Amino acid sequence: MPEADIQTFETEDEYHHVRFRDPDRFSDIRTPDWARNAAESVSDGAEVRTGKVKGSDDWEVESVLVPNDVDEDDAKSRAKEIVEKIES
């Protein structure tokens, strides 16, 4: 599994959207309940979008949504920590 580096960062409505992987590499993208526990252990209200890699049974983190009550640097740091928890 390739290491996740931040590709894009956008602020939308009530979330900072921190994208780690191109959504085009996935055949399906979901926000699974099981990932919410890892996300919320780092940042209350955070969500994780996972994608099923095309032609594979593997799932990877596509992006993390962090509530925008924190600044950009904090959101990026929290998102990276969440990905590390899930993918380690």
PDB file of N, CA and C in Angstrom:
ATOM      1  N   MET A   1       0.855  -1.180   0.000  1.00  0.00           N
ATOM      2  CA  MET A   1       0.000   0.000   0.000  1.00  0.00           C
ATOM      3  C   MET A   1       0.898   1.240   0.000  1.00  0.00           C
ATOM      4  N   PRO A   2       0.710   2.148  -0.955  1.00  0.00           N
ATOM      5  CA  PRO A   2       1.558   3.339  -0.994  1.00  0.00           C
ATOM      6  C   PRO A   2       1.314   4.245   0.219  1.00  0.00           C
ATOM      7  N   GLU A   3       2.399   4.860   0.681  1.00  0.00           N
ATOM      8  CA  GLU A   3       2.260   5.774   1.816  1.00  0.00           C
ATOM      9  C   GLU A   3       1.391   6.951   1.403  1.00  0.00           C
ATOM     10  N   ALA A   4       0.582   7.395   2.334  1.00  0.00           N
ATOM     11  CA  ALA A   4      -0.365   8.467   2.041  1.00  0.00           C
ATOM     12  C   ALA A   4       0.261   9.839   2.293  1.00  0.00           C
ATOM     13  N   ASP A   5       0.330  10.628   1.233  1.00  0.00           N
ATOM     14  CA  ASP A   5       0.735  12.027   1.339  1.00  0.00           C
ATOM     15  C   ASP A   5      -0.455  12.874   0.920  1.00  0.00           C
ATOM     16  N   ILE A   6      -0.567  14.041   1.490  1.00  0.00           N
ATOM     17  CA  ILE A   6      -1.678  14.925   1.155  1.00  0.00           C
ATOM     18  C   ILE A   6      -1.537  15.396  -0.285  1.00  0.00           C
ATOM     19  N   GLN A   7      -2.581  15.188  -1.080  1.00  0.00           N
ATOM     20  CA  GLN A   7      -2.589  15.629  -2.477  1.00  0.00           C
ATOM     21  C   GLN A   7      -3.292  16.973  -2.625  1.00  0.00           C
ATOM     22  N   THR A   8      -4.456  17.114  -1.984  1.00  0.00           N
ATOM     23  CA  THR A   8      -5.174  18.387  -2.052  1.00  0.00           C
ATOM     24  C   THR A   8      -5.784  18.696  -0.694  1.00  0.00           C
ATOM     25  N   PHE A   9      -6.053  19.979  -0.504  1.00  0.00           N
ATOM     26  CA  PHE A   9      -6.696  20.447   0.726  1.00  0.00           C
ATOM     27  C   PHE A   9      -7.715  21.498   0.331  1.00  0.00           C
ATOM     28  N   GLU A  10      -8.963  21.285   0.744  1.00  0.00           N
ATOM     29  CA  GLU A  10     -10.029  22.248   0.471  1.00  0.00           C
ATOM     30  C   GLU A  10     -10.879  22.404   1.719  1.00  0.00           C
ATOM     31  N   THR A  11     -11.467  23.571   1.868  1.00  0.00           N
ATOM     32  CA  THR A  11     -12.428  23.777   2.941  1.00  0.00           C
ATOM     33  C   THR A  11     -13.803  23.878   2.308  1.00  0.00           C
ATOM     34  N   GLU A  12     -14.703  22.990   2.745  1.00  0.00           N
ATOM     35  CA  GLU A  12     -16.069  22.947   2.216  1.00  0.00           C
ATOM     36  C   GLU A  12     -17.039  22.965   3.387  1.00  0.00           C
ATOM     37  N   ASP A  13     -17.979  23.885   3.369  1.00  0.00           N
ATOM     38  CA  ASP A  13     -18.996  23.964   4.415  1.00  0.00           C
ATOM     39  C   ASP A  13     -18.368  23.829   5.798  1.00  0.00           C
ATOM     40  N   GLU A  14     -18.709  22.744   6.518  1.00  0.00           N
ATOM     41  CA  GLU A  14     -18.211  22.617   7.892  1.00  0.00           C
ATOM     42  C   GLU A  14     -16.968  21.734   8.019  1.00  0.00           C
ATOM     43  N   TYR A  15     -16.382  21.305   6.884  1.00  0.00           N
ATOM     44  CA  TYR A  15     -15.223  20.412   6.932  1.00  0.00           C
ATOM     45  C   TYR A  15     -14.033  20.933   6.121  1.00  0.00           C
ATOM     46  N   HIS A  16     -12.834  20.561   6.597  1.00  0.00           N
ATOM     47  CA  HIS A  16     -11.634  20.624   5.778  1.00  0.00           C
ATOM     48  C   HIS A  16     -11.562  19.248   5.111  1.00  0.00           C
ATOM     49  N   HIS A  17     -11.428  19.218   3.796  1.00  0.00           N
ATOM     50  CA  HIS A  17     -11.366  17.963   3.038  1.00  0.00           C
ATOM     51  C   HIS A  17      -9.904  17.724   2.674  1.00  0.00           C
ATOM     52  N   VAL A  18      -9.295  16.734   3.320  1.00  0.00           N
ATOM     53  CA  VAL A  18      -7.886  16.434   3.118  1.00  0.00           C
ATOM     54  C   VAL A  18      -7.792  15.172   2.264  1.00  0.00           C
ATOM     55  N   ARG A  19      -7.418  15.332   0.992  1.00  0.00           N
ATOM     56  CA  ARG A  19      -7.376  14.191   0.055  1.00  0.00           C
ATOM     57  C   ARG A  19      -5.964  13.610   0.007  1.00  0.00           C
ATOM     58  N   PHE A  20      -5.900  12.280   0.145  1.00  0.00           N
ATOM     59  CA  PHE A  20      -4.627  11.566   0.119  1.00  0.00           C
ATOM     60  C   PHE A  20      -4.394  10.813  -1.182  1.00  0.00           C
ATOM     61  N   ARG A  21      -5.460  10.361  -1.833  1.00  0.00           N
ATOM     62  CA  ARG A  21      -5.315   9.577  -3.060  1.00  0.00           C
ATOM     63  C   ARG A  21      -6.363  10.004  -4.070  1.00  0.00           C
ATOM     64  N   ASP A  22      -6.023   9.888  -5.329  1.00  0.00           N
ATOM     65  CA  ASP A  22      -6.893  10.266  -6.432  1.00  0.00           C
ATOM     66  C   ASP A  22      -8.146   9.388  -6.436  1.00  0.00           C
ATOM     67  N   PRO A  23      -9.322   9.994  -6.385  1.00  0.00           N
ATOM     68  CA  PRO A  23     -10.545   9.187  -6.374  1.00  0.00           C
ATOM     69  C   PRO A  23     -10.722   8.342  -7.636  1.00  0.00           C
ATOM     70  N   ASP A  24     -10.048   8.699  -8.723  1.00  0.00           N
ATOM     71  CA  ASP A  24     -10.157   7.931  -9.962  1.00  0.00           C
ATOM     72  C   ASP A  24      -9.501   6.549  -9.872  1.00  0.00           C
ATOM     73  N   ARG A  25      -8.662   6.320  -8.857  1.00  0.00           N
ATOM     74  CA  ARG A  25      -8.025   5.003  -8.721  1.00  0.00           C
ATOM     75  C   ARG A  25      -8.943   3.976  -8.066  1.00  0.00           C
ATOM     76  N   PHE A  26     -10.141   4.430  -7.648  1.00  0.00           N
ATOM     77  CA  PHE A  26     -11.055   3.547  -6.926  1.00  0.00           C
ATOM     78  C   PHE A  26     -12.319   3.251  -7.722  1.00  0.00           C
ATOM     79  N   SER A  27     -12.823   2.030  -7.547  1.00  0.00           N
ATOM     80  CA  SER A  27     -14.081   1.650  -8.193  1.00  0.00           C
ATOM     81  C   SER A  27     -15.277   1.994  -7.313  1.00  0.00           C
ATOM     82  N   ASP A  28     -15.035   2.190  -6.024  1.00  0.00           N
ATOM     83  CA  ASP A  28     -16.111   2.450  -5.065  1.00  0.00           C
ATOM     84  C   ASP A  28     -15.523   3.264  -3.924  1.00  0.00           C
ATOM     85  N   ILE A  29     -16.241   4.277  -3.457  1.00  0.00           N
ATOM     86  CA  ILE A  29     -15.788   5.077  -2.307  1.00  0.00           C
ATOM     87  C   ILE A  29     -16.901   5.090  -1.273  1.00  0.00           C
ATOM     88  N   ARG A  30     -16.524   4.821  -0.031  1.00  0.00           N
ATOM     89  CA  ARG A  30     -17.494   4.770   1.072  1.00  0.00           C
ATOM     90  C   ARG A  30     -16.959   5.498   2.292  1.00  0.00           C
ATOM     91  N   THR A  31     -17.886   5.812   3.192  1.00  0.00           N
ATOM     92  CA  THR A  31     -17.537   6.377   4.499  1.00  0.00           C
ATOM     93  C   THR A  31     -17.950   5.332   5.534  1.00  0.00           C
ATOM     94  N   PRO A  32     -17.055   4.359   5.822  1.00  0.00           N
ATOM     95  CA  PRO A  32     -17.444   3.237   6.679  1.00  0.00           C
ATOM     96  C   PRO A  32     -17.552   3.602   8.163  1.00  0.00           C
ATOM     97  N   ASP A  33     -18.510   2.957   8.828  1.00  0.00           N
ATOM     98  CA  ASP A  33     -18.698   3.178  10.263  1.00  0.00           C
ATOM     99  C   ASP A  33     -17.463   2.776  11.066  1.00  0.00           C
ATOM    100  N   TRP A  34     -16.796   1.679  10.662  1.00  0.00           N
ATOM    101  CA  TRP A  34     -15.654   1.195  11.446  1.00  0.00           C
ATOM    102  C   TRP A  34     -14.518   2.218  11.491  1.00  0.00           C
ATOM    103  N   ALA A  35     -14.391   3.027  10.461  1.00  0.00           N
ATOM    104  CA  ALA A  35     -13.304   4.015  10.425  1.00  0.00           C
ATOM    105  C   ALA A  35     -13.611   5.228  11.296  1.00  0.00           C
ATOM    106  N   ARG A  36     -14.877   5.424  11.623  1.00  0.00           N
ATOM    107  CA  ARG A  36     -15.268   6.579  12.434  1.00  0.00           C
ATOM    108  C   ARG A  36     -14.613   6.536  13.812  1.00  0.00           C
ATOM    109  N   ASN A  37     -14.486   5.334  14.400  1.00  0.00           N
ATOM    110  CA  ASN A  37     -13.868   5.231  15.729  1.00  0.00           C
ATOM    111  C   ASN A  37     -12.429   5.726  15.714  1.00  0.00           C
ATOM    112  N   ALA A  38     -11.661   5.304  14.722  1.00  0.00           N
ATOM    113  CA  ALA A  38     -10.269   5.747  14.620  1.00  0.00           C
ATOM    114  C   ALA A  38     -10.210   7.253  14.381  1.00  0.00           C
ATOM    115  N   ALA A  39     -11.088   7.743  13.503  1.00  0.00           N
ATOM    116  CA  ALA A  39     -11.096   9.170  13.183  1.00  0.00           C
ATOM    117  C   ALA A  39     -11.459  10.012  14.401  1.00  0.00           C
ATOM    118  N   GLU A  40     -12.512   9.603  15.106  1.00  0.00           N
ATOM    119  CA  GLU A  40     -12.965  10.408  16.244  1.00  0.00           C
ATOM    120  C   GLU A  40     -12.037  10.298  17.447  1.00  0.00           C
ATOM    121  N   SER A  41     -11.189   9.260  17.489  1.00  0.00           N
ATOM    122  CA  SER A  41     -10.219   9.179  18.584  1.00  0.00           C
ATOM    123  C   SER A  41      -9.143  10.255  18.432  1.00  0.00           C
ATOM    124  N   VAL A  42      -9.012  10.792  17.205  1.00  0.00           N
ATOM    125  CA  VAL A  42      -8.042  11.852  16.926  1.00  0.00           C
ATOM    126  C   VAL A  42      -8.723  13.223  16.899  1.00  0.00           C
ATOM    127  N   SER A  43      -9.904  13.297  16.271  1.00  0.00           N
ATOM    128  CA  SER A  43     -10.591  14.577  16.097  1.00  0.00           C
ATOM    129  C   SER A  43     -12.099  14.354  16.108  1.00  0.00           C
ATOM    130  N   ASP A  44     -12.788  14.914  17.101  1.00  0.00           N
ATOM    131  CA  ASP A  44     -14.241  14.765  17.188  1.00  0.00           C
ATOM    132  C   ASP A  44     -14.912  15.215  15.901  1.00  0.00           C
ATOM    133  N   GLY A  45     -15.795  14.370  15.377  1.00  0.00           N
ATOM    134  CA  GLY A  45     -16.556  14.722  14.190  1.00  0.00           C
ATOM    135  C   GLY A  45     -15.864  14.429  12.873  1.00  0.00           C
ATOM    136  N   ALA A  46     -14.633  13.903  12.916  1.00  0.00           N
ATOM    137  CA  ALA A  46     -13.909  13.595  11.679  1.00  0.00           C
ATOM    138  C   ALA A  46     -14.508  12.367  10.999  1.00  0.00           C
ATOM    139  N   GLU A  47     -14.386  12.313   9.679  1.00  0.00           N
ATOM    140  CA  GLU A  47     -14.872  11.185   8.895  1.00  0.00           C
ATOM    141  C   GLU A  47     -13.790  10.749   7.926  1.00  0.00           C
ATOM    142  N   VAL A  48     -13.841   9.465   7.569  1.00  0.00           N
ATOM    143  CA  VAL A  48     -12.858   8.897   6.649  1.00  0.00           C
ATOM    144  C   VAL A  48     -13.590   8.340   5.436  1.00  0.00           C
ATOM    145  N   ARG A  49     -13.107   8.677   4.261  1.00  0.00           N
ATOM    146  CA  ARG A  49     -13.629   8.086   3.031  1.00  0.00           C
ATOM    147  C   ARG A  49     -12.608   7.076   2.539  1.00  0.00           C
ATOM    148  N   THR A  50     -13.063   5.840   2.366  1.00  0.00           N
ATOM    149  CA  THR A  50     -12.177   4.795   1.859  1.00  0.00           C
ATOM    150  C   THR A  50     -12.607   4.409   0.457  1.00  0.00           C
ATOM    151  N   GLY A  51     -11.645   3.938  -0.328  1.00  0.00           N
ATOM    152  CA  GLY A  51     -11.937   3.536  -1.690  1.00  0.00           C
ATOM    153  C   GLY A  51     -11.443   2.132  -1.969  1.00  0.00           C
ATOM    154  N   LYS A  52     -12.209   1.395  -2.771  1.00  0.00           N
ATOM    155  CA  LYS A  52     -11.808   0.063  -3.224  1.00  0.00           C
ATOM    156  C   LYS A  52     -10.986   0.242  -4.493  1.00  0.00           C
ATOM    157  N   VAL A  53      -9.723  -0.192  -4.441  1.00  0.00           N
ATOM    158  CA  VAL A  53      -8.813  -0.023  -5.559  1.00  0.00           C
ATOM    159  C   VAL A  53      -9.337  -0.799  -6.767  1.00  0.00           C
ATOM    160  N   LYS A  54      -9.387  -0.138  -7.929  1.00  0.00           N
ATOM    161  CA  LYS A  54      -9.869  -0.790  -9.155  1.00  0.00           C
ATOM    162  C   LYS A  54      -9.066  -2.056  -9.433  1.00  0.00           C
ATOM    163  N   GLY A  55      -9.777  -3.143  -9.746  1.00  0.00           N
ATOM    164  CA  GLY A  55      -9.127  -4.399 -10.084  1.00  0.00           C
ATOM    165  C   GLY A  55      -8.513  -5.123  -8.909  1.00  0.00           C
ATOM    166  N   SER A  56      -8.919  -4.788  -7.693  1.00  0.00           N
ATOM    167  CA  SER A  56      -8.327  -5.355  -6.486  1.00  0.00           C
ATOM    168  C   SER A  56      -9.402  -5.485  -5.409  1.00  0.00           C
ATOM    169  N   ASP A  57      -9.081  -6.231  -4.370  1.00  0.00           N
ATOM    170  CA  ASP A  57      -9.959  -6.307  -3.201  1.00  0.00           C
ATOM    171  C   ASP A  57      -9.489  -5.369  -2.099  1.00  0.00           C
ATOM    172  N   ASP A  58      -8.423  -4.612  -2.376  1.00  0.00           N
ATOM    173  CA  ASP A  58      -7.848  -3.729  -1.362  1.00  0.00           C
ATOM    174  C   ASP A  58      -8.641  -2.431  -1.221  1.00  0.00           C
ATOM    175  N   TRP A  59      -8.740  -1.978   0.026  1.00  0.00           N
ATOM    176  CA  TRP A  59      -9.361  -0.692   0.339  1.00  0.00           C
ATOM    177  C   TRP A  59      -8.283   0.208   0.929  1.00  0.00           C
ATOM    178  N   GLU A  60      -8.292   1.484   0.548  1.00  0.00           N
ATOM    179  CA  GLU A  60      -7.336   2.468   1.058  1.00  0.00           C
ATOM    180  C   GLU A  60      -8.089   3.738   1.430  1.00  0.00           C
ATOM    181  N   VAL A  61      -7.471   4.541   2.283  1.00  0.00           N
ATOM    182  CA  VAL A  61      -8.050   5.836   2.621  1.00  0.00           C
ATOM    183  C   VAL A  61      -7.933   6.748   1.406  1.00  0.00           C
ATOM    184  N   GLU A  62      -9.067   7.299   0.983  1.00  0.00           N
ATOM    185  CA  GLU A  62      -9.068   8.269  -0.124  1.00  0.00           C
ATOM    186  C   GLU A  62      -8.923   9.678   0.447  1.00  0.00           C
ATOM    187  N   SER A  63      -9.718   9.993   1.476  1.00  0.00           N
ATOM    188  CA  SER A  63      -9.639  11.324   2.078  1.00  0.00           C
ATOM    189  C   SER A  63     -10.168  11.292   3.505  1.00  0.00           C
ATOM    190  N   VAL A  64      -9.859  12.363   4.225  1.00  0.00           N
ATOM    191  CA  VAL A  64     -10.329  12.542   5.597  1.00  0.00           C
ATOM    192  C   VAL A  64     -11.010  13.901   5.675  1.00  0.00           C
ATOM    193  N   LEU A  65     -12.164  13.929   6.317  1.00  0.00           N
ATOM    194  CA  LEU A  65     -12.876  15.178   6.555  1.00  0.00           C
ATOM    195  C   LEU A  65     -12.691  15.550   8.022  1.00  0.00           C
ATOM    196  N   VAL A  66     -12.133  16.729   8.253  1.00  0.00           N
ATOM    197  CA  VAL A  66     -11.883  17.215   9.611  1.00  0.00           C
ATOM    198  C   VAL A  66     -12.744  18.458   9.814  1.00  0.00           C
ATOM    199  N   PRO A  67     -13.517  18.515  10.916  1.00  0.00           N
ATOM    200  CA  PRO A  67     -14.338  19.711  11.155  1.00  0.00           C
ATOM    201  C   PRO A  67     -13.485  20.983  11.083  1.00  0.00           C
ATOM    202  N   ASN A  68     -14.053  22.042  10.489  1.00  0.00           N
ATOM    203  CA  ASN A  68     -13.251  23.255  10.263  1.00  0.00           C
ATOM    204  C   ASN A  68     -13.196  24.193  11.462  1.00  0.00           C
ATOM    205  N   ASP A  69     -13.337  23.618  12.663  1.00  0.00           N
ATOM    206  CA  ASP A  69     -13.126  24.424  13.874  1.00  0.00           C
ATOM    207  C   ASP A  69     -11.641  24.477  14.241  1.00  0.00           C
ATOM    208  N   VAL A  70     -10.785  23.890  13.380  1.00  0.00           N
ATOM    209  CA  VAL A  70      -9.332  23.975  13.553  1.00  0.00           C
ATOM    210  C   VAL A  70      -8.744  24.605  12.293  1.00  0.00           C
ATOM    211  N   ASP A  71      -7.494  25.103  12.399  1.00  0.00           N
ATOM    212  CA  ASP A  71      -6.878  25.730  11.225  1.00  0.00           C
ATOM    213  C   ASP A  71      -6.335  24.675  10.260  1.00  0.00           C
ATOM    214  N   GLU A  72      -5.847  25.121   9.109  1.00  0.00           N
ATOM    215  CA  GLU A  72      -5.398  24.212   8.049  1.00  0.00           C
ATOM    216  C   GLU A  72      -4.274  23.287   8.516  1.00  0.00           C
ATOM    217  N   ASP A  73      -3.265  23.833   9.182  1.00  0.00           N
ATOM    218  CA  ASP A  73      -2.141  23.001   9.633  1.00  0.00           C
ATOM    219  C   ASP A  73      -2.598  21.925  10.610  1.00  0.00           C
ATOM    220  N   ASP A  74      -3.475  22.300  11.526  1.00  0.00           N
ATOM    221  CA  ASP A  74      -4.003  21.346  12.509  1.00  0.00           C
ATOM    222  C   ASP A  74      -4.835  20.270  11.805  1.00  0.00           C
ATOM    223  N   ALA A  75      -5.636  20.673  10.839  1.00  0.00           N
ATOM    224  CA  ALA A  75      -6.470  19.718  10.100  1.00  0.00           C
ATOM    225  C   ALA A  75      -5.594  18.715   9.351  1.00  0.00           C
ATOM    226  N   LYS A  76      -4.533  19.191   8.704  1.00  0.00           N
ATOM    227  CA  LYS A  76      -3.629  18.300   7.976  1.00  0.00           C
ATOM    228  C   LYS A  76      -2.945  17.326   8.932  1.00  0.00           C
ATOM    229  N   SER A  77      -2.497  17.824  10.066  1.00  0.00           N
ATOM    230  CA  SER A  77      -1.827  16.990  11.056  1.00  0.00           C
ATOM    231  C   SER A  77      -2.767  15.910  11.583  1.00  0.00           C
ATOM    232  N   ARG A  78      -3.998  16.300  11.905  1.00  0.00           N
ATOM    233  CA  ARG A  78      -4.983  15.337  12.412  1.00  0.00           C
ATOM    234  C   ARG A  78      -5.332  14.304  11.350  1.00  0.00           C
ATOM    235  N   ALA A  79      -5.485  14.742  10.101  1.00  0.00           N
ATOM    236  CA  ALA A  79      -5.824  13.820   9.015  1.00  0.00           C
ATOM    237  C   ALA A  79      -4.717  12.787   8.828  1.00  0.00           C
ATOM    238  N   LYS A  80      -3.461  13.221   8.858  1.00  0.00           N
ATOM    239  CA  LYS A  80      -2.332  12.285   8.716  1.00  0.00           C
ATOM    240  C   LYS A  80      -2.322  11.279   9.863  1.00  0.00           C
ATOM    241  N   GLU A  81      -2.583  11.756  11.073  1.00  0.00           N
ATOM    242  CA  GLU A  81      -2.614  10.858  12.233  1.00  0.00           C
ATOM    243  C   GLU A  81      -3.726   9.806  12.082  1.00  0.00           C
ATOM    244  N   ILE A  82      -4.870  10.221  11.586  1.00  0.00           N
ATOM    245  CA  ILE A  82      -5.983   9.302  11.370  1.00  0.00           C
ATOM    246  C   ILE A  82      -5.604   8.233  10.342  1.00  0.00           C
ATOM    247  N   VAL A  83      -4.985   8.646   9.246  1.00  0.00           N
ATOM    248  CA  VAL A  83      -4.577   7.690   8.206  1.00  0.00           C
ATOM    249  C   VAL A  83      -3.550   6.711   8.772  1.00  0.00           C
ATOM    250  N   GLU A  84      -2.606   7.194   9.554  1.00  0.00           N
ATOM    251  CA  GLU A  84      -1.604   6.318  10.160  1.00  0.00           C
ATOM    252  C   GLU A  84      -2.253   5.281  11.059  1.00  0.00           C
ATOM    253  N   LYS A  85      -3.244   5.682  11.842  1.00  0.00           N
ATOM    254  CA  LYS A  85      -3.952   4.742  12.721  1.00  0.00           C
ATOM    255  C   LYS A  85      -4.648   3.648  11.927  1.00  0.00           C
ATOM    256  N   ILE A  86      -5.293   4.047  10.830  1.00  0.00           N
ATOM    257  CA  ILE A  86      -6.084   3.098  10.043  1.00  0.00           C
ATOM    258  C   ILE A  86      -5.189   2.177   9.228  1.00  0.00           C
ATOM    259  N   GLU A  87      -4.114   2.706   8.662  1.00  0.00           N
ATOM    260  CA  GLU A  87      -3.305   1.921   7.735  1.00  0.00           C
ATOM    261  C   GLU A  87      -2.100   1.243   8.384  1.00  0.00           C
ATOM    262  N   SER A  88      -1.954   1.387   9.689  1.00  0.00           N
ATOM    263  CA  SER A  88      -0.802   0.724  10.341  1.00  0.00           C
ATOM    264  C   SER A  88      -1.164  -0.663  10.810  1.00  0.00           C
TER     265      SER A  88
END
